[in-house]
Amino acid sequence: MEKHTPGPWEIEPDPDNPGHNFVRPAVAVAVHDCDAKLIAAAPELLEAAKVAARALDRYVSTLKEQGNFLASQKTAEKLDYILEIIAKAGDMALLHDLWVEKPSEEV
């Protein structure tokens, strides 16, 4: 599996190109200030999405146990959206944890 470069990442100004930065330890590429900030925050954003996905998964289970199937369905749709984004980042471990290791639920 492809691994992400672990943070923390640092933003360093590009002395030859004002308004652009280098993001390290990633491959040094000149990017605009707003892009550099987003790239630098990417590992933490991915971790935050994983935390949110785990919490929503537990919440969906609680709603189902309480018989609140409409709310559980709407919340599960939001969870699916977060999981799609995590999958785009190439991190399949959480998807495995949530989808494969759970006992299948009967409808």
Protein backbone atom coordinates (compact mmCIF):
# COMPACT_ATOMS: atom_id res chain seq x y z
CA MET A 1 0.00 0.00 0.00
CA GLU A 2 1.17 3.51 -0.79
CA LYS A 3 2.18 5.45 2.33
CA HIS A 4 1.77 9.18 2.82
CA THR A 5 4.72 11.28 3.86
CA PRO A 6 4.29 11.71 7.60
CA GLY A 7 3.95 15.21 9.03
CA PRO A 8 4.59 17.61 10.42
CA TRP A 9 5.24 19.40 7.17
CA GLU A 10 6.80 22.82 6.95
CA ILE A 11 6.18 25.68 4.56
CA GLU A 12 9.28 27.52 3.33
CA PRO A 13 9.15 30.61 1.08
CA ASP A 14 10.59 30.20 -2.41
CA PRO A 15 13.23 32.95 -2.54
CA ASP A 16 13.20 32.95 -6.35
CA ASN A 17 9.42 33.17 -6.71
CA PRO A 18 7.67 35.58 -4.29
CA GLY A 19 4.21 34.42 -3.22
CA HIS A 20 5.15 30.77 -3.71
CA ASN A 21 6.41 28.25 -1.18
CA PHE A 22 8.13 24.92 -0.82
CA VAL A 23 6.37 22.29 1.28
CA ARG A 24 8.69 19.93 3.14
CA PRO A 25 9.27 16.99 3.71
CA ALA A 26 7.24 16.47 0.56
CA VAL A 27 8.98 16.69 -2.80
CA ALA A 28 10.09 20.30 -3.14
CA VAL A 29 7.71 21.91 -5.62
CA ALA A 30 6.93 25.60 -5.90
CA VAL A 31 3.26 26.27 -5.09
CA HIS A 32 1.15 29.33 -4.32
CA ASP A 33 0.69 30.32 -0.63
CA CYS A 34 -2.88 29.02 -0.30
CA ASP A 35 -1.96 25.71 -1.95
CA ALA A 36 1.07 25.32 0.32
CA LYS A 37 -1.08 25.75 3.42
CA LEU A 38 -3.58 23.16 2.20
CA ILE A 39 -0.84 20.69 1.29
CA ALA A 40 0.84 21.18 4.66
CA ALA A 41 -2.46 20.52 6.45
CA ALA A 42 -3.34 17.44 4.35
CA PRO A 43 -2.00 14.77 6.77
CA GLU A 44 -3.90 16.32 9.68
CA LEU A 45 -7.05 16.71 7.57
CA LEU A 46 -6.86 13.02 6.67
CA GLU A 47 -6.51 12.06 10.34
CA ALA A 48 -9.46 14.32 11.24
CA ALA A 49 -11.58 12.63 8.56
CA LYS A 50 -10.69 9.22 10.02
CA VAL A 51 -11.68 10.33 13.52
CA ALA A 52 -14.97 11.70 12.19
CA ALA A 53 -15.66 8.49 10.23
CA ARG A 54 -15.12 6.29 13.29
CA ALA A 55 -17.38 8.52 15.40
CA LEU A 56 -20.12 8.56 12.75
CA ASP A 57 -19.90 4.79 12.39
CA ARG A 58 -20.51 4.35 16.13
CA TYR A 59 -23.33 6.90 15.99
CA VAL A 60 -25.03 5.08 13.10
CA SER A 61 -24.92 1.86 15.14
CA THR A 62 -26.43 3.63 18.15
CA LEU A 63 -29.23 5.11 16.05
CA LYS A 64 -30.04 1.68 14.61
CA GLU A 65 -30.10 0.14 18.10
CA GLN A 66 -32.56 2.86 19.13
CA GLY A 67 -34.75 2.08 16.13
CA ASN A 68 -34.15 5.46 14.52
CA PHE A 69 -33.66 4.10 11.01
CA LEU A 70 -34.31 7.33 9.08
CA ALA A 71 -31.67 9.23 11.05
CA SER A 72 -29.26 6.29 10.80
CA GLN A 73 -29.71 6.20 7.02
CA LYS A 74 -29.06 9.95 6.64
CA THR A 75 -26.04 9.76 8.92
CA ALA A 76 -24.73 6.71 7.06
CA GLU A 77 -24.89 8.70 3.82
CA LYS A 78 -22.65 11.36 5.37
CA LEU A 79 -20.30 8.64 6.60
CA ASP A 80 -20.12 7.18 3.08
CA TYR A 81 -19.13 10.61 1.74
CA ILE A 82 -16.27 10.88 4.26
CA LEU A 83 -15.14 7.33 3.47
CA GLU A 84 -15.08 8.13 -0.26
CA ILE A 85 -12.75 11.05 0.43
CA ILE A 86 -10.51 8.89 2.62
CA ALA A 87 -10.38 6.31 -0.18
CA LYS A 88 -9.38 9.06 -2.65
CA ALA A 89 -6.39 9.72 -0.40
CA GLY A 90 -5.45 6.07 -0.87
CA ASP A 91 -5.94 5.05 2.76
CA MET A 92 -7.84 1.78 2.62
CA ALA A 93 -7.07 0.55 6.17
CA LEU A 94 -9.97 2.42 7.78
CA LEU A 95 -12.36 1.25 5.07
CA HIS A 96 -11.27 -2.32 5.82
CA ASP A 97 -11.80 -1.77 9.56
CA LEU A 98 -15.30 -0.36 9.11
CA TRP A 99 -16.63 -2.48 6.25
CA VAL A 100 -14.85 -5.83 6.26
CA GLU A 101 -14.35 -6.57 9.92
CA LYS A 102 -17.90 -5.68 10.98
CA PRO A 103 -20.38 -8.53 11.04
CA SER A 104 -22.82 -8.17 8.20
CA GLU A 105 -26.14 -6.68 9.18
CA GLU A 106 -29.41 -8.11 7.98
CA VAL A 107 -31.85 -5.68 6.43
